[in-house]
C-alpha atoms as a PDB file:
ATOM      1  CA  UNK A   1      19.554  23.851   7.687  1.00  0.00           C
ATOM      2  CA  UNK A   2      20.418  22.106   4.407  1.00  0.00           C
ATOM      3  CA  UNK A   3      18.647  22.717   1.122  1.00  0.00           C
ATOM      4  CA  UNK A   4      17.374  19.145   1.197  1.00  0.00           C
ATOM      5  CA  UNK A   5      15.849  19.670   4.662  1.00  0.00           C
ATOM      6  CA  UNK A   6      14.200  22.878   3.487  1.00  0.00           C
ATOM      7  CA  UNK A   7      12.719  21.030   0.537  1.00  0.00           C
ATOM      8  CA  UNK A   8      11.415  18.197   2.725  1.00  0.00           C
ATOM      9  CA  UNK A   9       9.866  20.653   5.172  1.00  0.00           C
ATOM     10  CA  UNK A  10       8.236  22.569   2.323  1.00  0.00           C
ATOM     11  CA  UNK A  11       6.792  19.338   0.935  1.00  0.00           C
ATOM     12  CA  UNK A  12       5.324  18.387   4.336  1.00  0.00           C
ATOM     13  CA  UNK A  13       3.811  21.855   4.735  1.00  0.00           C
ATOM     14  CA  UNK A  14       2.172  21.679   1.327  1.00  0.00           C
ATOM     15  CA  UNK A  15       0.866  18.155   2.042  1.00  0.00           C
ATOM     16  CA  UNK A  16      -0.762  19.516   5.210  1.00  0.00           C
ATOM     17  CA  UNK A  17      -2.135  22.488   3.274  1.00  0.00           C
ATOM     18  CA  UNK A  18      -3.624  20.246   0.598  1.00  0.00           C
ATOM     19  CA  UNK A  19      -5.206  18.024   3.231  1.00  0.00           C
ATOM     20  CA  UNK A  20      -6.896  21.057   4.766  1.00  0.00           C
ATOM     21  CA  UNK A  21      -8.147  22.196   1.364  1.00  0.00           C
ATOM     22  CA  UNK A  22      -9.484  18.744   0.530  1.00  0.00           C
ATOM     23  CA  UNK A  23     -11.259  18.455   3.876  1.00  0.00           C
ATOM     24  CA  UNK A  24     -12.884  21.840   3.241  1.00  0.00           C
ATOM     25  CA  UNK A  25     -13.988  20.681  -0.207  1.00  0.00           C
ATOM     26  CA  UNK A  26     -15.257  17.443   1.343  1.00  0.00           C
ATOM     27  CA  UNK A  27     -17.357  19.398   3.821  1.00  0.00           C
ATOM     28  CA  UNK A  28     -18.893  21.444   1.012  1.00  0.00           C
ATOM     29  CA  UNK A  29     -19.664  18.243  -0.892  1.00  0.00           C
ATOM     30  CA  UNK A  30     -21.309  16.747   2.196  1.00  0.00           C
ATOM     31  CA  UNK A  31     -23.672  19.704   2.408  1.00  0.00           C
ATOM     32  CA  UNK A  32     -24.568  19.519  -1.284  1.00  0.00           C
ATOM     33  CA  UNK A  33     -24.989  15.754  -1.549  1.00  0.00           C
ATOM     34  CA  UNK A  34     -26.893  15.236   1.718  1.00  0.00           C
ATOM     35  CA  UNK A  35     -29.232  18.153   0.977  1.00  0.00           C
ATOM     36  CA  UNK A  36     -31.053  16.213  -1.755  1.00  0.00           C
ATOM     37  CA  UNK A  37     -32.223  13.134   0.210  1.00  0.00           C
ATOM     38  CA  UNK A  38     -32.958  15.247   3.283  1.00  0.00           C
ATOM     39  CA  UNK A  39     -35.009  17.654   1.165  1.00  0.00           C
ATOM     40  CA  UNK A  40     -37.012  14.780  -0.325  1.00  0.00           C
ATOM     41  CA  UNK A  41     -37.638  13.350   3.152  1.00  0.00           C
ATOM     42  CA  UNK A  42     -38.802  16.730   4.471  1.00  0.00           C
ATOM     43  CA  UNK A  43     -41.189  17.159   1.523  1.00  0.00           C
ATOM     44  CA  UNK A  44     -42.614  13.658   1.988  1.00  0.00           C
ATOM     45  CA  UNK A  45     -43.144  14.147   5.716  1.00  0.00           C
ATOM     46  CA  UNK A  46     -44.810  17.543   5.176  1.00  0.00           C
ATOM     47  CA  UNK A  47     -47.171  16.076   2.577  1.00  0.00           C
ATOM     48  CA  UNK A  48     -47.977  13.191   4.894  1.00  0.00           C
ATOM     49  CA  UNK A  49     -48.755  15.583   7.747  1.00  0.00           C
ATOM     50  CA  UNK A  50     -51.243  17.479   5.548  1.00  0.00           C
ATOM     51  CA  UNK A  51     -52.969  14.239   4.577  1.00  0.00           C
ATOM     52  CA  UNK A  52     -53.164  13.158   8.221  1.00  0.00           C
ATOM     53  CA  UNK A  53     -54.919  16.411   9.089  1.00  0.00           C
ATOM     54  CA  UNK A  54     -57.241  16.001   6.094  1.00  0.00           C
ATOM     55  CA  UNK A  55     -58.253  12.422   6.911  1.00  0.00           C
ATOM     56  CA  UNK A  56     -58.686  13.356  10.574  1.00  0.00           C
ATOM     57  CA  UNK A  57     -61.062  16.166   9.594  1.00  0.00           C
ATOM     58  CA  UNK A  58     -63.063  13.761   7.411  1.00  0.00           C
ATOM     59  CA  UNK A  59     -63.284  11.282  10.287  1.00  0.00           C
ATOM     60  CA  UNK A  60     -64.406  13.898  12.809  1.00  0.00           C
ATOM     61  CA  UNK A  61     -67.042  15.176  10.363  1.00  0.00           C
ATOM     62  CA  UNK A  62     -68.312  11.643   9.721  1.00  0.00           C
ATOM     63  CA  UNK A  63     -67.420  11.946   6.039  1.00  0.00           C
ATOM     64  CA  UNK A  64     -64.716   9.305   5.801  1.00  0.00           C
ATOM     65  CA  UNK A  65     -65.284   6.713   3.103  1.00  0.00           C
ATOM     66  CA  UNK A  66     -63.616   3.386   2.492  1.00  0.00           C
ATOM     67  CA  UNK A  67     -62.106   4.791  -0.684  1.00  0.00           C
ATOM     68  CA  UNK A  68     -60.528   7.785   1.117  1.00  0.00           C
ATOM     69  CA  UNK A  69     -59.220   5.547   3.896  1.00  0.00           C
ATOM     70  CA  UNK A  70     -57.632   3.135   1.405  1.00  0.00           C
ATOM     71  CA  UNK A  71     -56.067   6.083  -0.453  1.00  0.00           C
ATOM     72  CA  UNK A  72     -54.676   7.344   2.842  1.00  0.00           C
ATOM     73  CA  UNK A  73     -53.166   3.915   3.628  1.00  0.00           C
ATOM     74  CA  UNK A  74     -51.521   3.881   0.193  1.00  0.00           C
ATOM     75  CA  UNK A  75     -50.096   7.342   0.830  1.00  0.00           C
ATOM     76  CA  UNK A  76     -48.750   6.335   4.245  1.00  0.00           C
ATOM     77  CA  UNK A  77     -47.050   3.274   2.731  1.00  0.00           C
ATOM     78  CA  UNK A  78     -45.529   5.309  -0.117  1.00  0.00           C
ATOM     79  CA  UNK A  79     -44.374   8.086   2.234  1.00  0.00           C
ATOM     80  CA  UNK A  80     -42.774   5.560   4.592  1.00  0.00           C
ATOM     81  CA  UNK A  81     -40.787   4.054   1.702  1.00  0.00           C
ATOM     82  CA  UNK A  82     -39.642   7.516   0.570  1.00  0.00           C
ATOM     83  CA  UNK A  83     -38.619   8.485   4.096  1.00  0.00           C
ATOM     84  CA  UNK A  84     -36.776   5.221   4.672  1.00  0.00           C
ATOM     85  CA  UNK A  85     -34.860   5.198   1.372  1.00  0.00           C
ATOM     86  CA  UNK A  86     -33.798   8.840   1.595  1.00  0.00           C
ATOM     87  CA  UNK A  87     -32.802   8.836   5.263  1.00  0.00           C
ATOM     88  CA  UNK A  88     -30.784   5.667   4.626  1.00  0.00           C
ATOM     89  CA  UNK A  89     -29.167   7.401   1.650  1.00  0.00           C
ATOM     90  CA  UNK A  90     -28.273  10.417   3.793  1.00  0.00           C
ATOM     91  CA  UNK A  91     -26.863   8.145   6.504  1.00  0.00           C
ATOM     92  CA  UNK A  92     -24.753   6.204   3.983  1.00  0.00           C
ATOM     93  CA  UNK A  93     -23.398   9.468   2.555  1.00  0.00           C
ATOM     94  CA  UNK A  94     -22.419  10.707   6.002  1.00  0.00           C
ATOM     95  CA  UNK A  95     -20.681   7.415   6.856  1.00  0.00           C
ATOM     96  CA  UNK A  96     -18.784   7.500   3.573  1.00  0.00           C
ATOM     97  CA  UNK A  97     -17.649  11.106   3.949  1.00  0.00           C
ATOM     98  CA  UNK A  98     -16.692  10.486   7.566  1.00  0.00           C
ATOM     99  CA  UNK A  99     -14.399   7.594   6.613  1.00  0.00           C
ATOM    100  CA  UNK A 100     -12.740   9.594   3.825  1.00  0.00           C
ATOM    101  CA  UNK A 101     -12.178  12.498   6.237  1.00  0.00           C
ATOM    102  CA  UNK A 102     -10.680  10.163   8.861  1.00  0.00           C
ATOM    103  CA  UNK A 103      -8.369   8.624   6.268  1.00  0.00           C
ATOM    104  CA  UNK A 104      -7.188  12.045   5.111  1.00  0.00           C
ATOM    105  CA  UNK A 105      -6.412  13.150   8.658  1.00  0.00           C
ATOM    106  CA  UNK A 106      -4.467  10.084   9.856  1.00  0.00           C
ATOM    107  CA  UNK A 107      -1.441   8.159   8.659  1.00  0.00           C
ATOM    108  CA  UNK A 108      -1.795   4.894  10.571  1.00  0.00           C
ATOM    109  CA  UNK A 109      -1.440   1.613   8.688  1.00  0.00           C
ATOM    110  CA  UNK A 110      -4.568  -0.514   8.421  1.00  0.00           C
ATOM    111  CA  UNK A 111      -6.019  -3.174   6.149  1.00  0.00           C
ATOM    112  CA  UNK A 112      -7.902  -1.435   3.333  1.00  0.00           C
ATOM    113  CA  UNK A 113     -10.751  -3.110   1.471  1.00  0.00           C
ATOM    114  CA  UNK A 114     -10.014  -1.435  -1.830  1.00  0.00           C
ATOM    115  CA  UNK A 115     -13.425  -1.618  -3.536  1.00  0.00           C
ATOM    116  CA  UNK A 116     -15.384   0.169  -0.755  1.00  0.00           C
ATOM    117  CA  UNK A 117     -12.385   2.485  -0.260  1.00  0.00           C
ATOM    118  CA  UNK A 118     -12.567   3.497  -3.928  1.00  0.00           C
ATOM    119  CA  UNK A 119     -16.357   3.887  -3.780  1.00  0.00           C
ATOM    120  CA  UNK A 120     -16.080   6.195  -0.764  1.00  0.00           C
ATOM    121  CA  UNK A 121     -13.548   8.292  -2.645  1.00  0.00           C
ATOM    122  CA  UNK A 122     -15.796   8.321  -5.718  1.00  0.00           C
ATOM    123  CA  UNK A 123     -18.697   9.559  -3.607  1.00  0.00           C
ATOM    124  CA  UNK A 124     -16.589  12.349  -2.111  1.00  0.00           C
ATOM    125  CA  UNK A 125     -15.825  13.592  -5.648  1.00  0.00           C
ATOM    126  CA  UNK A 126     -19.420  13.309  -6.878  1.00  0.00           C
ATOM    127  CA  UNK A 127     -19.998  17.057  -7.044  1.00  0.00           C
ATOM    128  CA  UNK A 128     -16.680  17.878  -8.753  1.00  0.00           C
ATOM    129  CA  UNK A 129     -17.203  15.080 -11.283  1.00  0.00           C
ATOM    130  CA  UNK A 130     -20.739  16.222 -12.032  1.00  0.00           C
ATOM    131  CA  UNK A 131     -19.702  19.837 -12.521  1.00  0.00           C
ATOM    132  CA  UNK A 132     -16.871  18.774 -14.847  1.00  0.00           C
ATOM    133  CA  UNK A 133     -19.156  16.359 -16.758  1.00  0.00           C
ATOM    134  CA  UNK A 134     -16.674  13.610 -15.981  1.00  0.00           C
ATOM    135  CA  UNK A 135     -17.302   9.943 -15.269  1.00  0.00           C
ATOM    136  CA  UNK A 136     -15.197   7.952 -12.810  1.00  0.00           C
ATOM    137  CA  UNK A 137     -15.332   4.174 -13.322  1.00  0.00           C
ATOM    138  CA  UNK A 138     -14.031   1.667 -10.795  1.00  0.00           C
ATOM    139  CA  UNK A 139     -12.583  -1.751 -11.667  1.00  0.00           C
ATOM    140  CA  UNK A 140     -11.602  -3.708  -8.559  1.00  0.00           C
ATOM    141  CA  UNK A 141     -12.210  -7.196  -7.232  1.00  0.00           C
ATOM    142  CA  UNK A 142     -14.413  -7.276  -4.137  1.00  0.00           C
ATOM    143  CA  UNK A 143     -11.870  -9.359  -2.206  1.00  0.00           C
ATOM    144  CA  UNK A 144      -8.801  -7.223  -2.913  1.00  0.00           C
ATOM    145  CA  UNK A 145      -7.071  -5.998   0.266  1.00  0.00           C
ATOM    146  CA  UNK A 146      -4.037  -3.818   0.912  1.00  0.00           C
ATOM    147  CA  UNK A 147      -2.366  -3.140   4.237  1.00  0.00           C
ATOM    148  CA  UNK A 148      -1.206   0.438   3.885  1.00  0.00           C
ATOM    149  CA  UNK A 149      -1.694   4.072   4.940  1.00  0.00           C
ATOM    150  CA  UNK A 150      -5.227   5.076   3.897  1.00  0.00           C
ATOM    151  CA  UNK A 151      -4.562   8.767   4.505  1.00  0.00           C
ATOM    152  CA  UNK A 152      -1.610   8.881   2.121  1.00  0.00           C
ATOM    153  CA  UNK A 153      -3.421   6.741  -0.452  1.00  0.00           C
ATOM    154  CA  UNK A 154      -6.463   9.020  -0.283  1.00  0.00           C
ATOM    155  CA  UNK A 155      -4.196  12.039  -0.793  1.00  0.00           C
ATOM    156  CA  UNK A 156      -2.508  10.441  -3.813  1.00  0.00           C
ATOM    157  CA  UNK A 157      -5.727   9.415  -5.546  1.00  0.00           C
ATOM    158  CA  UNK A 158      -7.436  12.717  -4.726  1.00  0.00           C
ATOM    159  CA  UNK A 159      -4.580  14.665  -6.317  1.00  0.00           C
ATOM    160  CA  UNK A 160      -4.590  12.468  -9.420  1.00  0.00           C
ATOM    161  CA  UNK A 161      -8.367  12.650  -9.850  1.00  0.00           C
ATOM    162  CA  UNK A 162      -8.409  16.433  -9.440  1.00  0.00           C
ATOM    163  CA  UNK A 163      -5.433  16.748 -11.797  1.00  0.00           C
ATOM    164  CA  UNK A 164      -7.370  14.842 -14.463  1.00  0.00           C
ATOM    165  CA  UNK A 165     -10.553  16.875 -13.891  1.00  0.00           C
ATOM    166  CA  UNK A 166      -8.697  20.175 -14.127  1.00  0.00           C
ATOM    167  CA  UNK A 167      -6.217  19.463 -16.935  1.00  0.00           C
ATOM    168  CA  UNK A 168      -7.077  16.375 -18.989  1.00  0.00           C
ATOM    169  CA  UNK A 169     -10.407  17.212 -20.612  1.00  0.00           C
ATOM    170  CA  UNK A 170     -10.312  18.109 -24.300  1.00  0.00           C
ATOM    171  CA  UNK A 171     -12.724  21.002 -25.000  1.00  0.00           C
ATOM    172  CA  UNK A 172     -15.938  19.801 -26.608  1.00  0.00           C
ATOM    173  CA  UNK A 173     -15.516  16.213 -25.424  1.00  0.00           C
ATOM    174  CA  UNK A 174     -16.467  14.269 -22.318  1.00  0.00           C
ATOM    175  CA  UNK A 175     -13.799  12.949 -19.966  1.00  0.00           C
ATOM    176  CA  UNK A 176     -13.746   9.418 -18.586  1.00  0.00           C
ATOM    177  CA  UNK A 177     -11.477   8.383 -15.715  1.00  0.00           C
ATOM    178  CA  UNK A 178     -10.933   4.777 -14.685  1.00  0.00           C
ATOM    179  CA  UNK A 179      -9.571   3.616 -11.338  1.00  0.00           C
ATOM    180  CA  UNK A 180      -8.362   0.030 -11.450  1.00  0.00           C
ATOM    181  CA  UNK A 181      -6.648  -2.235  -8.920  1.00  0.00           C
ATOM    182  CA  UNK A 182      -5.195  -5.715  -9.440  1.00  0.00           C
ATOM    183  CA  UNK A 183      -3.098  -8.082  -7.330  1.00  0.00           C
ATOM    184  CA  UNK A 184       0.297  -7.790  -9.016  1.00  0.00           C
ATOM    185  CA  UNK A 185       2.116 -10.282  -6.796  1.00  0.00           C
ATOM    186  CA  UNK A 186      -0.193 -12.017  -4.327  1.00  0.00           C
ATOM    187  CA  UNK A 187       2.708 -13.832  -2.628  1.00  0.00           C
ATOM    188  CA  UNK A 188       4.276 -10.504  -1.642  1.00  0.00           C
ATOM    189  CA  UNK A 189       0.952  -8.750  -1.128  1.00  0.00           C
ATOM    190  CA  UNK A 190       1.654  -6.154  -3.820  1.00  0.00           C
ATOM    191  CA  UNK A 191      -1.174  -4.331  -5.558  1.00  0.00           C
ATOM    192  CA  UNK A 192      -1.048  -2.260  -8.737  1.00  0.00           C
ATOM    193  CA  UNK A 193      -3.397   0.713  -8.864  1.00  0.00           C
ATOM    194  CA  UNK A 194      -3.911   2.548 -12.130  1.00  0.00           C
ATOM    195  CA  UNK A 195      -5.694   5.829 -12.726  1.00  0.00           C
ATOM    196  CA  UNK A 196      -6.267   6.350 -16.432  1.00  0.00           C
ATOM    197  CA  UNK A 197      -8.077   9.046 -18.418  1.00  0.00           C
ATOM    198  CA  UNK A 198      -9.010   9.467 -22.086  1.00  0.00           C
ATOM    199  CA  UNK A 199      -8.031  13.128 -22.153  1.00  0.00           C
ATOM    200  CA  UNK A 200      -5.518  15.370 -23.888  1.00  0.00           C
ATOM    201  CA  UNK A 201      -2.428  13.428 -22.814  1.00  0.00           C
ATOM    202  CA  UNK A 202       1.106  14.777 -22.457  1.00  0.00           C
ATOM    203  CA  UNK A 203       4.056  15.292 -24.729  1.00  0.00           C
ATOM    204  CA  UNK A 204       7.311  13.486 -23.960  1.00  0.00           C
ATOM    205  CA  UNK A 205       8.826  16.797 -22.817  1.00  0.00           C
ATOM    206  CA  UNK A 206       5.935  17.502 -20.464  1.00  0.00           C
ATOM    207  CA  UNK A 207       6.180  14.017 -18.944  1.00  0.00           C
ATOM    208  CA  UNK A 208       9.786  14.788 -17.985  1.00  0.00           C
ATOM    209  CA  UNK A 209       8.714  17.902 -16.066  1.00  0.00           C
ATOM    210  CA  UNK A 210       5.363  17.168 -14.399  1.00  0.00           C
ATOM    211  CA  UNK A 211       6.888  15.825 -11.175  1.00  0.00           C
ATOM    212  CA  UNK A 212       9.233  18.779 -10.724  1.00  0.00           C
ATOM    213  CA  UNK A 213       8.356  21.101  -7.870  1.00  0.00           C
ATOM    214  CA  UNK A 214       6.722  24.368  -8.984  1.00  0.00           C
ATOM    215  CA  UNK A 215       6.251  23.209 -12.571  1.00  0.00           C
ATOM    216  CA  UNK A 216       2.681  23.887 -13.707  1.00  0.00           C
ATOM    217  CA  UNK A 217       0.804  24.436 -16.934  1.00  0.00           C
ATOM    218  CA  UNK A 218      -1.956  26.327 -15.076  1.00  0.00           C
ATOM    219  CA  UNK A 219      -0.124  29.189 -13.394  1.00  0.00           C
ATOM    220  CA  UNK A 220      -2.777  31.647 -14.611  1.00  0.00           C
ATOM    221  CA  UNK A 221      -5.442  29.599 -12.786  1.00  0.00           C
ATOM    222  CA  UNK A 222      -3.479  29.565  -9.540  1.00  0.00           C
ATOM    223  CA  UNK A 223      -1.682  26.256 -10.032  1.00  0.00           C
ATOM    224  CA  UNK A 224       1.252  25.786  -7.655  1.00  0.00           C
ATOM    225  CA  UNK A 225       3.035  22.972  -9.470  1.00  0.00           C
ATOM    226  CA  UNK A 226       3.217  20.939  -6.263  1.00  0.00           C
ATOM    227  CA  UNK A 227       0.421  18.397  -6.718  1.00  0.00           C
ATOM    228  CA  UNK A 228       2.201  15.693  -8.728  1.00  0.00           C
ATOM    229  CA  UNK A 229       5.439  16.236  -6.819  1.00  0.00           C
ATOM    230  CA  UNK A 230       3.539  15.476  -3.627  1.00  0.00           C
ATOM    231  CA  UNK A 231       1.993  12.405  -5.270  1.00  0.00           C
ATOM    232  CA  UNK A 232       5.427  10.984  -6.044  1.00  0.00           C
ATOM    233  CA  UNK A 233       6.726  11.895  -2.577  1.00  0.00           C
ATOM    234  CA  UNK A 234       3.854  10.063  -0.872  1.00  0.00           C
ATOM    235  CA  UNK A 235       4.037   6.981  -3.096  1.00  0.00           C
ATOM    236  CA  UNK A 236       7.790   6.530  -2.838  1.00  0.00           C
ATOM    237  CA  UNK A 237       8.466   7.619   0.762  1.00  0.00           C
ATOM    238  CA  UNK A 238       5.217   7.024   2.693  1.00  0.00           C
ATOM    239  CA  UNK A 239       3.714   4.077   0.803  1.00  0.00           C
ATOM    240  CA  UNK A 240       7.094   2.576  -0.223  1.00  0.00           C
ATOM    241  CA  UNK A 241       5.794   2.092  -3.750  1.00  0.00           C
ATOM    242  CA  UNK A 242       6.818   2.827  -7.323  1.00  0.00           C
ATOM    243  CA  UNK A 243       5.105   5.304  -9.652  1.00  0.00           C
ATOM    244  CA  UNK A 244       5.179   5.216 -13.434  1.00  0.00           C
ATOM    245  CA  UNK A 245       3.587   7.540 -15.972  1.00  0.00           C
ATOM    246  CA  UNK A 246       2.587   6.705 -19.525  1.00  0.00           C
ATOM    247  CA  UNK A 247       0.919   9.174 -21.852  1.00  0.00           C
ATOM    248  CA  UNK A 248       0.593  10.259 -25.439  1.00  0.00           C
ATOM    249  CA  UNK A 249      -0.751  13.516 -26.787  1.00  0.00           C
ATOM    250  CA  UNK A 250      -4.448  13.161 -27.606  1.00  0.00           C
ATOM    251  CA  UNK A 251      -4.525   9.601 -26.244  1.00  0.00           C
ATOM    252  CA  UNK A 252      -4.911  10.106 -22.499  1.00  0.00           C
ATOM    253  CA  UNK A 253      -2.704   9.502 -19.480  1.00  0.00           C
ATOM    254  CA  UNK A 254      -2.137   6.617 -17.082  1.00  0.00           C
ATOM    255  CA  UNK A 255      -0.564   6.896 -13.633  1.00  0.00           C
ATOM    256  CA  UNK A 256       0.400   3.445 -12.365  1.00  0.00           C
ATOM    257  CA  UNK A 257       1.561   2.723  -8.832  1.00  0.00           C
ATOM    258  CA  UNK A 258       2.856  -0.568  -7.476  1.00  0.00           C
ATOM    259  CA  UNK A 259       2.233  -0.657  -3.733  1.00  0.00           C
ATOM    260  CA  UNK A 260       3.408  -3.209  -1.184  1.00  0.00           C
ATOM    261  CA  UNK A 261       1.557  -4.200   1.955  1.00  0.00           C
ATOM    262  CA  UNK A 262       3.231  -2.390   4.847  1.00  0.00           C
ATOM    263  CA  UNK A 263       4.264  -4.319   7.951  1.00  0.00           C
END
């Protein structure tokens, strides 16, 4: 087997490994994020049950007043609103996580509505962003579409977002990440997607090395040096796009990808 074949096989294996790790992280995020609305709903229903028993006891004892009945009606109305809003929130979270998981696991081409696609990705990173005190802003027209591989695109953006969270933040400052998409050439169906941060940036020397396999600045923290290499591999070979990097020390980093619609 040639060295090139070995390298390609290694890249595919690490892509599969990263997908498994991201799906595991996604599952943990599901549990954390869904726990809050479910917990609120459980508390509201338990409180409502206690009030039902209380008003029933008053009624059976002949002690119910108009004031207590009206207060009970108000409580029922408030509890119903709490239950509805939080169960809907939990359902929306599950739908969002499910779609992200499906996209990560499959490589089929489909038409992607980019704004909801980005929002689903943003939701899947909610816990990691919160823990890193990082904000992810989205700038995308509601009508922007791209026919492409959602699994590969999810993998690319996930790697770039995590790379920024783990490496870009300057100690003592907050980190802001922006995810932007624009129609670069509507006649050809091309879309430019940019992921930009306001973090520490990279030197010119570092920019020349970041896409090399096994190069990492975080070896002590278990970094493999494969993440950005996989990003370039997916953009150029799976998505048939072009990737450019612009950065300056202390001024942040921008990864820009020009992606065509795939037939």
